[in-house]
């Protein structure tokens, strides 16, 4: 996929995010929503660039046979639900829009860090597909550089809490509900992927002995 096509895809994504946020809010005068869109407008192109065109093709349209398609199927609906709840909450009904400003600011910073970690993981690991599969046609091998020296799944470590920080940054506690669903799906993905890599990828067992933790050093 060309860089122009990726940027067009990204522009459509940001436009949809904005339409859902402000459409559900029914107003445009919510600074946190504009900061949120600006954050994605600045960071996601950098993440795409860090991944490279070959990996982005793999992530957007992986070959048939990959396992655990569930995240690919539900990620977009869950994200749109997350944004719609935030818009309705902050803009119209004020169910839980009591997040203090300092926590919103801290959550924006944490959100940027998580996206950065995800992008760094894709930069280091050119086999970071959107499905679980051994990519023998691409010379799949163990990656143990960069953040992979610290945990075995740094990309998922970043992705696990993205919607949580997103909801707090937008100012809506209720919008964390879809984040809980996505967190469980990512934990499931990590367990399934780790098991496949241990069973089928040469050198991964030795790597797992060197790098003991999957996503959080000292915990899991």
N, C-alpha and C. Protein backbone atom coordinates (compact mmCIF):
# COMPACT_ATOMS: atom_id res chain seq x y z
N UNK A 1 0.85 -1.19 0.00
CA UNK A 1 0.00 0.00 0.00
C UNK A 1 0.88 1.24 0.00
N UNK A 2 0.59 2.18 -0.89
CA UNK A 2 1.40 3.38 -1.00
C UNK A 2 1.17 4.31 0.18
N UNK A 3 2.14 5.23 0.37
CA UNK A 3 2.03 6.22 1.45
C UNK A 3 0.80 7.10 1.24
N UNK A 4 0.51 7.47 -0.01
CA UNK A 4 -0.66 8.30 -0.30
C UNK A 4 -1.94 7.58 0.10
N UNK A 5 -2.04 6.29 -0.23
CA UNK A 5 -3.23 5.50 0.13
C UNK A 5 -3.36 5.39 1.64
N UNK A 6 -2.24 5.21 2.34
CA UNK A 6 -2.28 5.14 3.80
C UNK A 6 -2.77 6.45 4.40
N UNK A 7 -2.28 7.57 3.87
CA UNK A 7 -2.67 8.87 4.40
C UNK A 7 -4.14 9.16 4.11
N UNK A 8 -4.64 8.73 2.96
CA UNK A 8 -6.05 8.89 2.65
C UNK A 8 -6.89 8.07 3.62
N UNK A 9 -6.46 6.85 3.87
CA UNK A 9 -7.15 5.99 4.83
C UNK A 9 -7.16 6.63 6.22
N UNK A 10 -6.02 7.20 6.60
CA UNK A 10 -5.91 7.86 7.90
C UNK A 10 -6.80 9.09 7.98
N UNK A 11 -6.82 9.91 6.92
CA UNK A 11 -7.66 11.11 6.92
C UNK A 11 -9.13 10.75 7.07
N UNK A 12 -9.55 9.68 6.42
CA UNK A 12 -10.94 9.23 6.55
C UNK A 12 -11.22 8.80 7.99
N UNK A 13 -10.24 8.09 8.60
CA UNK A 13 -10.40 7.64 9.98
C UNK A 13 -10.58 8.83 10.93
N UNK A 14 -9.72 9.85 10.79
CA UNK A 14 -9.82 11.03 11.66
C UNK A 14 -11.14 11.75 11.44
N UNK A 15 -11.58 11.84 10.19
CA UNK A 15 -12.86 12.50 9.89
C UNK A 15 -14.02 11.75 10.53
N UNK A 16 -13.99 10.43 10.47
CA UNK A 16 -15.05 9.63 11.09
C UNK A 16 -15.02 9.79 12.61
N UNK A 17 -13.83 9.74 13.20
CA UNK A 17 -13.70 9.95 14.64
C UNK A 17 -14.31 11.31 15.04
N UNK A 18 -13.96 12.34 14.29
CA UNK A 18 -14.48 13.66 14.59
C UNK A 18 -15.99 13.74 14.43
N UNK A 19 -16.51 13.12 13.37
CA UNK A 19 -17.96 13.14 13.14
C UNK A 19 -18.70 12.43 14.27
N UNK A 20 -18.16 11.31 14.75
CA UNK A 20 -18.81 10.57 15.83
C UNK A 20 -18.75 11.37 17.13
N UNK A 21 -17.57 11.89 17.45
CA UNK A 21 -17.41 12.65 18.69
C UNK A 21 -18.33 13.88 18.73
N UNK A 22 -18.20 14.75 17.74
CA UNK A 22 -18.96 15.99 17.76
C UNK A 22 -20.42 15.78 17.39
N UNK A 23 -20.70 14.78 16.55
CA UNK A 23 -22.09 14.49 16.22
C UNK A 23 -22.85 13.99 17.42
N UNK A 24 -22.25 13.09 18.19
CA UNK A 24 -22.94 12.58 19.39
C UNK A 24 -23.00 13.64 20.47
N UNK A 25 -22.00 14.53 20.51
CA UNK A 25 -22.02 15.61 21.51
C UNK A 25 -23.02 16.70 21.15
N UNK A 26 -23.26 16.90 19.85
CA UNK A 26 -24.19 17.94 19.42
C UNK A 26 -23.64 19.34 19.54
N UNK A 27 -22.31 19.46 19.66
CA UNK A 27 -21.68 20.77 19.79
C UNK A 27 -20.21 20.64 19.42
N UNK A 28 -19.59 21.79 19.13
CA UNK A 28 -18.21 21.80 18.68
C UNK A 28 -17.26 22.44 19.69
N UNK A 29 -17.79 23.00 20.77
CA UNK A 29 -16.98 23.79 21.70
C UNK A 29 -16.45 22.94 22.87
N UNK A 30 -15.85 21.79 22.57
CA UNK A 30 -15.29 20.92 23.60
C UNK A 30 -13.79 20.80 23.31
N UNK A 31 -12.95 21.56 24.01
CA UNK A 31 -11.51 21.58 23.70
C UNK A 31 -10.85 20.21 23.72
N UNK A 32 -11.22 19.36 24.69
CA UNK A 32 -10.57 18.05 24.80
C UNK A 32 -10.77 17.22 23.53
N UNK A 33 -11.91 17.38 22.88
CA UNK A 33 -12.17 16.61 21.66
C UNK A 33 -11.24 17.07 20.54
N UNK A 34 -11.03 18.38 20.43
CA UNK A 34 -10.14 18.90 19.41
C UNK A 34 -8.69 18.47 19.67
N UNK A 35 -8.28 18.50 20.95
CA UNK A 35 -6.93 18.06 21.30
C UNK A 35 -6.76 16.58 20.97
N UNK A 36 -7.80 15.79 21.22
CA UNK A 36 -7.77 14.36 20.93
C UNK A 36 -7.54 14.11 19.44
N UNK A 37 -8.31 14.78 18.61
CA UNK A 37 -8.14 14.61 17.17
C UNK A 37 -6.77 15.09 16.70
N UNK A 38 -6.30 16.19 17.26
CA UNK A 38 -4.98 16.70 16.91
C UNK A 38 -3.88 15.70 17.30
N UNK A 39 -4.04 15.08 18.48
CA UNK A 39 -3.06 14.09 18.93
C UNK A 39 -2.94 12.95 17.92
N UNK A 40 -4.09 12.44 17.48
CA UNK A 40 -4.06 11.34 16.51
C UNK A 40 -3.54 11.82 15.16
N UNK A 41 -3.90 13.04 14.79
CA UNK A 41 -3.43 13.57 13.51
C UNK A 41 -1.91 13.70 13.48
N UNK A 42 -1.29 13.93 14.64
CA UNK A 42 0.16 14.08 14.70
C UNK A 42 0.90 12.75 14.89
N UNK A 43 0.32 11.83 15.67
CA UNK A 43 1.05 10.62 16.05
C UNK A 43 0.85 9.43 15.11
N UNK A 44 -0.37 9.25 14.60
CA UNK A 44 -0.64 8.05 13.80
C UNK A 44 0.17 8.03 12.50
N UNK A 45 0.31 9.15 11.76
CA UNK A 45 1.18 9.10 10.57
C UNK A 45 2.61 8.69 10.91
N UNK A 46 3.11 9.15 12.06
CA UNK A 46 4.45 8.75 12.48
C UNK A 46 4.50 7.25 12.76
N UNK A 47 3.42 6.71 13.33
CA UNK A 47 3.36 5.28 13.60
C UNK A 47 3.34 4.49 12.30
N UNK A 48 2.55 4.96 11.32
CA UNK A 48 2.53 4.31 10.02
C UNK A 48 3.92 4.33 9.38
N UNK A 49 4.58 5.47 9.47
CA UNK A 49 5.91 5.59 8.87
C UNK A 49 6.90 4.66 9.57
N UNK A 50 6.79 4.56 10.89
CA UNK A 50 7.68 3.67 11.63
C UNK A 50 7.47 2.22 11.24
N UNK A 51 6.22 1.85 10.97
CA UNK A 51 5.92 0.47 10.60
C UNK A 51 6.45 0.13 9.22
N UNK A 52 6.34 1.05 8.27
CA UNK A 52 6.77 0.78 6.91
C UNK A 52 5.64 0.22 6.07
N UNK A 53 5.74 0.37 4.77
CA UNK A 53 4.65 0.00 3.88
C UNK A 53 4.39 -1.51 3.86
N UNK A 54 5.44 -2.32 3.94
CA UNK A 54 5.25 -3.78 3.87
C UNK A 54 4.46 -4.28 5.07
N UNK A 55 4.81 -3.81 6.28
CA UNK A 55 4.08 -4.24 7.46
C UNK A 55 2.66 -3.70 7.44
N UNK A 56 2.45 -2.47 6.99
CA UNK A 56 1.10 -1.93 6.95
C UNK A 56 0.22 -2.73 5.99
N UNK A 57 0.79 -3.20 4.88
CA UNK A 57 0.02 -4.08 3.99
C UNK A 57 -0.38 -5.36 4.71
N UNK A 58 0.56 -5.92 5.48
CA UNK A 58 0.28 -7.13 6.25
C UNK A 58 -0.80 -6.88 7.29
N UNK A 59 -0.74 -5.74 7.95
CA UNK A 59 -1.71 -5.45 9.01
C UNK A 59 -3.10 -5.15 8.44
N UNK A 60 -3.15 -4.46 7.33
CA UNK A 60 -4.44 -4.08 6.76
C UNK A 60 -5.11 -5.24 6.04
N UNK A 61 -4.31 -6.04 5.33
CA UNK A 61 -4.89 -7.15 4.57
C UNK A 61 -3.98 -8.38 4.67
N UNK A 62 -4.00 -9.06 5.83
CA UNK A 62 -3.16 -10.25 5.96
C UNK A 62 -3.67 -11.39 5.09
N UNK A 63 -2.78 -12.30 4.69
CA UNK A 63 -3.20 -13.45 3.89
C UNK A 63 -4.20 -14.32 4.65
N UNK A 64 -4.96 -15.15 3.94
CA UNK A 64 -5.90 -16.05 4.61
C UNK A 64 -5.17 -17.03 5.53
N UNK A 65 -5.91 -17.51 6.52
CA UNK A 65 -5.37 -18.53 7.40
C UNK A 65 -4.92 -18.04 8.76
N UNK A 66 -4.84 -16.72 8.96
CA UNK A 66 -4.44 -16.20 10.26
C UNK A 66 -5.48 -16.49 11.32
N UNK A 67 -5.03 -16.68 12.54
CA UNK A 67 -5.94 -16.99 13.65
C UNK A 67 -6.29 -15.73 14.43
N UNK A 68 -7.39 -15.81 15.17
CA UNK A 68 -7.91 -14.74 16.02
C UNK A 68 -8.22 -13.48 15.21
N UNK A 69 -9.25 -13.60 14.39
CA UNK A 69 -9.75 -12.46 13.63
C UNK A 69 -10.64 -11.55 14.47
N UNK A 70 -10.93 -11.97 15.71
CA UNK A 70 -11.94 -11.28 16.51
C UNK A 70 -11.59 -9.81 16.74
N UNK A 71 -10.34 -9.54 17.08
CA UNK A 71 -9.96 -8.15 17.32
C UNK A 71 -10.15 -7.30 16.08
N UNK A 72 -9.77 -7.84 14.90
CA UNK A 72 -9.95 -7.08 13.66
C UNK A 72 -11.42 -6.78 13.38
N UNK A 73 -12.29 -7.70 13.79
CA UNK A 73 -13.73 -7.54 13.53
C UNK A 73 -14.36 -6.51 14.46
N UNK A 74 -14.00 -6.56 15.73
CA UNK A 74 -14.71 -5.73 16.72
C UNK A 74 -13.99 -4.44 17.07
N UNK A 75 -12.72 -4.28 16.66
CA UNK A 75 -11.96 -3.10 17.10
C UNK A 75 -12.62 -1.80 16.65
N UNK A 76 -13.01 -1.71 15.38
CA UNK A 76 -13.60 -0.47 14.88
C UNK A 76 -14.95 -0.20 15.53
N UNK A 77 -15.89 -1.18 15.61
CA UNK A 77 -17.16 -0.91 16.31
C UNK A 77 -16.96 -0.50 17.76
N UNK A 78 -16.00 -1.14 18.46
CA UNK A 78 -15.75 -0.79 19.86
C UNK A 78 -15.19 0.62 19.98
N UNK A 79 -14.32 1.01 19.04
CA UNK A 79 -13.77 2.37 19.07
C UNK A 79 -14.84 3.40 18.80
N UNK A 80 -15.70 3.13 17.84
CA UNK A 80 -16.78 4.08 17.53
C UNK A 80 -17.76 4.18 18.69
N UNK A 81 -18.05 3.04 19.34
CA UNK A 81 -18.93 3.06 20.52
C UNK A 81 -18.29 3.87 21.64
N UNK A 82 -16.99 3.68 21.82
CA UNK A 82 -16.23 4.43 22.83
C UNK A 82 -16.35 5.94 22.59
N UNK A 83 -16.17 6.37 21.36
CA UNK A 83 -16.24 7.80 21.04
C UNK A 83 -17.66 8.32 21.14
N UNK A 84 -18.64 7.52 20.72
CA UNK A 84 -20.04 7.96 20.79
C UNK A 84 -20.48 8.15 22.24
N UNK A 85 -20.08 7.22 23.11
CA UNK A 85 -20.44 7.35 24.54
C UNK A 85 -19.80 8.61 25.12
N UNK A 86 -18.52 8.84 24.77
CA UNK A 86 -17.84 10.04 25.28
C UNK A 86 -18.55 11.30 24.80
N UNK A 87 -18.94 11.33 23.53
CA UNK A 87 -19.64 12.51 23.02
C UNK A 87 -20.97 12.74 23.69
N UNK A 88 -21.75 11.68 23.84
CA UNK A 88 -23.06 11.80 24.50
C UNK A 88 -22.90 12.23 25.95
N UNK A 89 -21.89 11.68 26.61
CA UNK A 89 -21.66 11.96 28.03
C UNK A 89 -21.24 13.41 28.24
N UNK A 90 -20.17 13.81 27.54
CA UNK A 90 -19.60 15.15 27.76
C UNK A 90 -20.45 16.24 27.13
N UNK A 91 -21.04 15.96 25.98
CA UNK A 91 -21.73 17.00 25.24
C UNK A 91 -23.20 17.16 25.58
N UNK A 92 -23.85 16.07 26.02
CA UNK A 92 -25.31 16.16 26.18
C UNK A 92 -25.81 15.79 27.58
N UNK A 93 -25.47 14.58 28.05
CA UNK A 93 -26.18 14.05 29.22
C UNK A 93 -25.40 14.12 30.52
N UNK A 94 -24.09 14.32 30.46
CA UNK A 94 -23.26 14.53 31.65
C UNK A 94 -23.43 13.40 32.67
N UNK A 95 -23.38 12.16 32.17
CA UNK A 95 -23.50 11.01 33.07
C UNK A 95 -22.29 10.91 34.00
N UNK A 96 -21.10 11.10 33.43
CA UNK A 96 -19.87 10.87 34.22
C UNK A 96 -18.73 11.78 33.77
N UNK A 97 -19.08 12.98 33.32
CA UNK A 97 -18.05 13.89 32.79
C UNK A 97 -17.44 14.73 33.92
N UNK A 98 -16.95 14.04 34.93
CA UNK A 98 -16.38 14.71 36.11
C UNK A 98 -14.88 14.47 36.23
N UNK A 99 -14.24 14.06 35.14
CA UNK A 99 -12.80 13.81 35.16
C UNK A 99 -12.08 15.14 35.36
N UNK A 100 -11.25 15.27 36.39
CA UNK A 100 -10.56 16.55 36.61
C UNK A 100 -9.59 16.87 35.48
N UNK A 101 -9.35 18.16 35.31
CA UNK A 101 -8.50 18.61 34.20
C UNK A 101 -7.10 18.00 34.30
N UNK A 102 -6.54 17.93 35.51
CA UNK A 102 -5.18 17.40 35.65
C UNK A 102 -5.11 15.95 35.18
N UNK A 103 -6.18 15.17 35.44
CA UNK A 103 -6.20 13.78 35.01
C UNK A 103 -6.38 13.67 33.49
N UNK A 104 -7.16 14.59 32.92
CA UNK A 104 -7.29 14.61 31.47
C UNK A 104 -5.94 14.89 30.81
N UNK A 105 -5.21 15.87 31.34
CA UNK A 105 -3.89 16.21 30.79
C UNK A 105 -2.94 15.03 30.91
N UNK A 106 -2.92 14.40 32.09
CA UNK A 106 -2.05 13.23 32.29
C UNK A 106 -2.45 12.09 31.37
N UNK A 107 -3.73 11.93 31.12
CA UNK A 107 -4.21 10.86 30.25
C UNK A 107 -3.83 11.10 28.80
N UNK A 108 -3.85 12.37 28.36
CA UNK A 108 -3.36 12.68 27.02
C UNK A 108 -1.89 12.30 26.88
N UNK A 109 -1.10 12.59 27.92
CA UNK A 109 0.32 12.23 27.87
C UNK A 109 0.49 10.72 27.83
N UNK A 110 -0.28 10.00 28.66
CA UNK A 110 -0.19 8.54 28.68
C UNK A 110 -0.65 7.95 27.36
N UNK A 111 -1.67 8.54 26.77
CA UNK A 111 -2.17 8.08 25.48
C UNK A 111 -1.09 8.23 24.40
N UNK A 112 -0.40 9.36 24.40
CA UNK A 112 0.68 9.57 23.43
C UNK A 112 1.80 8.56 23.64
N UNK A 113 2.12 8.26 24.89
CA UNK A 113 3.16 7.28 25.18
C UNK A 113 2.75 5.90 24.67
N UNK A 114 1.50 5.50 24.91
CA UNK A 114 1.02 4.20 24.46
C UNK A 114 1.07 4.06 22.94
N UNK A 115 0.64 5.10 22.24
CA UNK A 115 0.71 5.08 20.78
C UNK A 115 2.17 5.01 20.33
N UNK A 116 3.04 5.73 21.05
CA UNK A 116 4.46 5.70 20.72
C UNK A 116 5.08 4.33 20.92
N UNK A 117 4.71 3.66 22.01
CA UNK A 117 5.21 2.31 22.28
C UNK A 117 4.73 1.35 21.20
N UNK A 118 3.47 1.47 20.81
CA UNK A 118 2.91 0.63 19.75
C UNK A 118 3.68 0.86 18.43
N UNK A 119 3.92 2.13 18.11
CA UNK A 119 4.66 2.45 16.90
C UNK A 119 6.09 1.94 16.95
N UNK A 120 6.76 2.06 18.10
CA UNK A 120 8.13 1.57 18.25
C UNK A 120 8.18 0.05 18.09
N UNK A 121 7.17 -0.64 18.63
CA UNK A 121 7.11 -2.09 18.48
C UNK A 121 6.99 -2.48 17.01
N UNK A 122 6.17 -1.75 16.26
CA UNK A 122 6.03 -2.06 14.83
C UNK A 122 7.29 -1.71 14.05
N UNK A 123 8.01 -0.69 14.49
CA UNK A 123 9.27 -0.33 13.83
C UNK A 123 10.29 -1.44 14.01
N UNK A 124 10.36 -2.02 15.21
CA UNK A 124 11.33 -3.07 15.49
C UNK A 124 10.91 -4.42 14.93
N UNK A 125 9.61 -4.69 14.95
CA UNK A 125 9.10 -6.01 14.59
C UNK A 125 8.28 -5.93 13.31
N UNK A 126 8.90 -6.27 12.19
CA UNK A 126 8.23 -6.19 10.90
C UNK A 126 7.28 -7.37 10.67
N UNK A 127 7.09 -8.20 11.70
CA UNK A 127 6.17 -9.33 11.61
C UNK A 127 4.95 -9.12 12.52
N UNK A 128 4.73 -7.86 12.93
CA UNK A 128 3.65 -7.52 13.87
C UNK A 128 2.32 -7.45 13.10
N UNK A 129 1.81 -8.62 12.75
CA UNK A 129 0.59 -8.70 11.95
C UNK A 129 -0.64 -8.38 12.80
N UNK A 130 -1.75 -8.14 12.14
CA UNK A 130 -3.02 -7.91 12.84
C UNK A 130 -3.73 -9.21 13.16
N UNK A 131 -3.19 -10.34 12.70
CA UNK A 131 -3.70 -11.66 13.04
C UNK A 131 -2.54 -12.50 13.56
N UNK A 132 -2.87 -13.66 14.11
CA UNK A 132 -1.83 -14.55 14.62
C UNK A 132 -1.45 -15.52 13.50
N UNK A 133 -0.23 -15.44 13.04
CA UNK A 133 0.23 -16.39 12.03
C UNK A 133 1.75 -16.38 11.98
N UNK A 134 2.32 -17.51 11.60
CA UNK A 134 3.75 -17.61 11.37
C UNK A 134 4.00 -17.22 9.91
N UNK A 135 4.74 -16.15 9.71
CA UNK A 135 4.90 -15.57 8.37
C UNK A 135 6.15 -16.12 7.69
N UNK A 136 6.12 -17.39 7.35
CA UNK A 136 7.30 -18.04 6.78
C UNK A 136 7.69 -17.42 5.44
N UNK A 137 6.69 -16.96 4.67
CA UNK A 137 6.99 -16.36 3.37
C UNK A 137 7.70 -15.02 3.51
N UNK A 138 7.67 -14.45 4.72
CA UNK A 138 8.35 -13.18 4.98
C UNK A 138 9.60 -13.37 5.84
N UNK A 139 10.01 -14.63 6.02
CA UNK A 139 11.22 -14.90 6.81
C UNK A 139 11.03 -14.65 8.29
N UNK A 140 9.89 -15.01 8.82
CA UNK A 140 9.55 -14.76 10.22
C UNK A 140 10.64 -15.28 11.15
N UNK A 141 11.07 -14.43 12.05
CA UNK A 141 12.10 -14.79 13.03
C UNK A 141 11.81 -14.08 14.34
N UNK A 142 12.51 -14.51 15.37
CA UNK A 142 12.36 -13.88 16.68
C UNK A 142 12.96 -12.47 16.64
N UNK A 143 12.23 -11.49 17.18
CA UNK A 143 12.73 -10.12 17.31
C UNK A 143 13.01 -9.87 18.78
N UNK A 144 14.25 -9.51 19.09
CA UNK A 144 14.63 -9.29 20.48
C UNK A 144 15.38 -7.97 20.68
N UNK A 145 15.07 -7.00 19.82
CA UNK A 145 15.71 -5.69 19.91
C UNK A 145 14.72 -4.65 20.41
N UNK A 146 15.24 -3.47 20.76
CA UNK A 146 14.36 -2.39 21.21
C UNK A 146 13.54 -2.81 22.41
N UNK A 147 12.24 -2.49 22.40
CA UNK A 147 11.39 -2.83 23.56
C UNK A 147 11.20 -4.33 23.74
N UNK A 148 11.54 -5.11 22.72
CA UNK A 148 11.42 -6.57 22.84
C UNK A 148 12.51 -7.15 23.74
N UNK A 149 13.47 -6.34 24.14
CA UNK A 149 14.43 -6.78 25.15
C UNK A 149 13.82 -6.76 26.54
N UNK A 150 12.72 -6.02 26.69
CA UNK A 150 12.13 -5.82 28.02
C UNK A 150 10.93 -6.73 28.24
N UNK A 151 10.01 -6.76 27.26
CA UNK A 151 8.84 -7.64 27.32
C UNK A 151 8.64 -8.28 25.95
N UNK A 152 7.90 -9.39 25.92
CA UNK A 152 7.74 -10.13 24.67
C UNK A 152 6.70 -9.52 23.75
N UNK A 153 5.77 -8.73 24.30
CA UNK A 153 4.71 -8.16 23.47
C UNK A 153 4.53 -6.67 23.80
N UNK A 154 5.54 -5.85 23.50
CA UNK A 154 5.45 -4.42 23.84
C UNK A 154 4.33 -3.69 23.10
N UNK A 155 4.04 -4.11 21.86
CA UNK A 155 2.95 -3.45 21.13
C UNK A 155 1.62 -3.62 21.83
N UNK A 156 1.36 -4.83 22.30
CA UNK A 156 0.12 -5.07 23.02
C UNK A 156 0.15 -4.39 24.38
N UNK A 157 1.34 -4.25 24.97
CA UNK A 157 1.45 -3.52 26.23
C UNK A 157 0.94 -2.10 26.07
N UNK A 158 1.28 -1.48 24.93
CA UNK A 158 0.77 -0.14 24.66
C UNK A 158 -0.70 -0.14 24.34
N UNK A 159 -1.13 -1.11 23.54
CA UNK A 159 -2.52 -1.14 23.08
C UNK A 159 -3.52 -1.45 24.19
N UNK A 160 -3.08 -2.21 25.19
CA UNK A 160 -3.99 -2.65 26.25
C UNK A 160 -4.74 -1.50 26.92
N UNK A 161 -4.07 -0.38 27.12
CA UNK A 161 -4.68 0.71 27.88
C UNK A 161 -5.01 1.94 27.04
N UNK A 162 -4.88 1.84 25.73
CA UNK A 162 -5.12 3.02 24.88
C UNK A 162 -6.53 3.56 25.07
N UNK A 163 -7.55 2.68 25.03
CA UNK A 163 -8.92 3.19 25.18
C UNK A 163 -9.19 3.70 26.59
N UNK A 164 -8.54 3.13 27.60
CA UNK A 164 -8.71 3.64 28.95
C UNK A 164 -8.22 5.09 29.04
N UNK A 165 -6.98 5.33 28.58
CA UNK A 165 -6.46 6.70 28.60
C UNK A 165 -7.27 7.61 27.70
N UNK A 166 -7.75 7.05 26.58
CA UNK A 166 -8.57 7.83 25.65
C UNK A 166 -9.84 8.34 26.33
N UNK A 167 -10.52 7.45 27.05
CA UNK A 167 -11.76 7.85 27.73
C UNK A 167 -11.53 8.92 28.78
N UNK A 168 -10.47 8.75 29.57
CA UNK A 168 -10.17 9.74 30.61
C UNK A 168 -9.74 11.07 29.98
N UNK A 169 -8.98 11.01 28.88
CA UNK A 169 -8.57 12.23 28.20
C UNK A 169 -9.77 12.99 27.66
N UNK A 170 -10.75 12.26 27.13
CA UNK A 170 -11.95 12.89 26.60
C UNK A 170 -12.86 13.40 27.70
N UNK A 171 -12.68 12.90 28.93
CA UNK A 171 -13.45 13.40 30.06
C UNK A 171 -14.67 12.58 30.42
N UNK A 172 -14.74 11.32 29.95
CA UNK A 172 -15.92 10.49 30.19
C UNK A 172 -15.53 9.15 30.82
N UNK A 173 -16.01 8.91 32.03
CA UNK A 173 -15.75 7.63 32.70
C UNK A 173 -16.56 6.51 32.05
N UNK A 174 -17.78 6.78 31.68
CA UNK A 174 -18.63 5.75 31.08
C UNK A 174 -18.07 5.23 29.75
N UNK A 175 -17.28 6.04 29.07
CA UNK A 175 -16.73 5.58 27.80
C UNK A 175 -15.66 4.51 27.98
N UNK A 176 -15.31 4.21 29.24
CA UNK A 176 -14.34 3.15 29.49
C UNK A 176 -14.96 1.76 29.31
N UNK A 177 -16.27 1.66 29.23
CA UNK A 177 -16.92 0.34 29.09
C UNK A 177 -16.38 -0.44 27.89
N UNK A 178 -16.34 0.14 26.68
CA UNK A 178 -15.74 -0.62 25.57
C UNK A 178 -14.26 -0.92 25.78
N UNK A 179 -13.57 -0.09 26.57
CA UNK A 179 -12.15 -0.33 26.83
C UNK A 179 -11.96 -1.62 27.61
N UNK A 180 -12.90 -1.94 28.50
CA UNK A 180 -12.82 -3.19 29.26
C UNK A 180 -12.92 -4.38 28.32
N UNK A 181 -13.86 -4.30 27.38
CA UNK A 181 -14.02 -5.37 26.39
C UNK A 181 -12.74 -5.55 25.59
N UNK A 182 -12.17 -4.43 25.11
CA UNK A 182 -10.95 -4.51 24.30
C UNK A 182 -9.77 -5.04 25.12
N UNK A 183 -9.70 -4.69 26.39
CA UNK A 183 -8.61 -5.19 27.23
C UNK A 183 -8.66 -6.71 27.34
N UNK A 184 -9.87 -7.26 27.55
CA UNK A 184 -10.00 -8.72 27.62
C UNK A 184 -9.63 -9.36 26.28
N UNK A 185 -10.00 -8.74 25.18
CA UNK A 185 -9.67 -9.29 23.86
C UNK A 185 -8.15 -9.26 23.63
N UNK A 186 -7.49 -8.20 24.07
CA UNK A 186 -6.03 -8.14 23.90
C UNK A 186 -5.33 -9.17 24.79
N UNK A 187 -5.83 -9.37 26.01
CA UNK A 187 -5.24 -10.39 26.88
C UNK A 187 -5.39 -11.77 26.24
N UNK A 188 -6.58 -12.03 25.68
CA UNK A 188 -6.81 -13.29 24.97
C UNK A 188 -5.85 -13.43 23.80
N UNK A 189 -5.67 -12.35 23.04
CA UNK A 189 -4.76 -12.38 21.88
C UNK A 189 -3.33 -12.69 22.34
N UNK A 190 -2.89 -12.05 23.39
CA UNK A 190 -1.52 -12.27 23.88
C UNK A 190 -1.30 -13.73 24.25
N UNK A 191 -2.26 -14.33 24.95
CA UNK A 191 -2.13 -15.72 25.36
C UNK A 191 -2.10 -16.65 24.14
N UNK A 192 -2.99 -16.42 23.19
CA UNK A 192 -3.03 -17.26 21.99
C UNK A 192 -1.75 -17.11 21.17
N UNK A 193 -1.31 -15.87 20.98
CA UNK A 193 -0.14 -15.63 20.15
C UNK A 193 1.12 -16.18 20.79
N UNK A 194 1.25 -15.99 22.09
CA UNK A 194 2.42 -16.49 22.79
C UNK A 194 2.51 -18.01 22.68
N UNK A 195 1.35 -18.67 22.79
CA UNK A 195 1.33 -20.13 22.69
C UNK A 195 1.75 -20.59 21.29
N UNK A 196 1.24 -19.93 20.25
CA UNK A 196 1.61 -20.31 18.89
C UNK A 196 3.10 -20.08 18.64
N UNK A 197 3.62 -18.95 19.09
CA UNK A 197 5.03 -18.66 18.87
C UNK A 197 5.92 -19.66 19.60
N UNK A 198 5.54 -20.04 20.81
CA UNK A 198 6.31 -21.04 21.54
C UNK A 198 6.32 -22.37 20.81
N UNK A 199 5.20 -22.73 20.21
CA UNK A 199 5.08 -24.03 19.54
C UNK A 199 5.69 -24.06 18.15
N UNK A 200 5.66 -22.91 17.44
CA UNK A 200 5.94 -22.97 16.01
C UNK A 200 7.08 -22.09 15.51
N UNK A 201 7.52 -21.10 16.29
CA UNK A 201 8.56 -20.20 15.79
C UNK A 201 9.93 -20.60 16.36
N UNK A 202 10.86 -20.91 15.48
CA UNK A 202 12.20 -21.31 15.91
C UNK A 202 12.85 -20.22 16.76
N UNK A 203 13.38 -20.64 17.90
CA UNK A 203 14.10 -19.72 18.77
C UNK A 203 13.25 -18.99 19.79
N UNK A 204 11.91 -19.10 19.67
CA UNK A 204 11.07 -18.32 20.57
C UNK A 204 11.11 -18.86 22.01
N UNK A 205 11.27 -20.18 22.17
CA UNK A 205 11.35 -20.74 23.53
C UNK A 205 12.57 -20.19 24.26
N UNK A 206 13.69 -20.13 23.57
CA UNK A 206 14.89 -19.57 24.19
C UNK A 206 14.70 -18.09 24.51
N UNK A 207 14.06 -17.38 23.59
CA UNK A 207 13.78 -15.96 23.82
C UNK A 207 12.87 -15.79 25.04
N UNK A 208 11.84 -16.63 25.17
CA UNK A 208 10.90 -16.53 26.29
C UNK A 208 11.59 -16.82 27.62
N UNK A 209 12.65 -17.62 27.60
CA UNK A 209 13.40 -17.87 28.82
C UNK A 209 14.24 -16.66 29.20
N UNK A 210 14.72 -15.93 28.18
CA UNK A 210 15.52 -14.73 28.45
C UNK A 210 14.64 -13.56 28.86
N UNK A 211 13.51 -13.41 28.16
CA UNK A 211 12.57 -12.31 28.45
C UNK A 211 11.32 -12.94 29.04
N UNK A 212 11.22 -12.93 30.34
CA UNK A 212 10.21 -13.73 31.04
C UNK A 212 8.81 -13.16 30.94
N UNK A 213 8.69 -11.83 30.86
CA UNK A 213 7.39 -11.21 30.99
C UNK A 213 6.79 -10.84 29.64
N UNK A 214 5.48 -10.99 29.54
CA UNK A 214 4.79 -10.75 28.27
C UNK A 214 4.57 -9.25 28.01
N UNK A 215 3.98 -8.54 29.00
CA UNK A 215 3.65 -7.13 28.75
C UNK A 215 4.09 -6.18 29.86
N UNK A 216 4.27 -6.65 31.07
CA UNK A 216 4.61 -5.75 32.19
C UNK A 216 5.69 -6.38 33.04
N UNK A 217 6.89 -5.83 33.01
CA UNK A 217 8.00 -6.42 33.77
C UNK A 217 7.66 -6.61 35.25
N UNK A 218 7.97 -7.78 35.76
CA UNK A 218 7.74 -8.08 37.17
C UNK A 218 6.33 -8.49 37.51
N UNK A 219 5.40 -8.37 36.54
CA UNK A 219 3.98 -8.69 36.82
C UNK A 219 3.49 -9.83 35.94
N UNK A 220 3.53 -9.64 34.60
CA UNK A 220 2.99 -10.66 33.70
C UNK A 220 3.71 -10.62 32.37
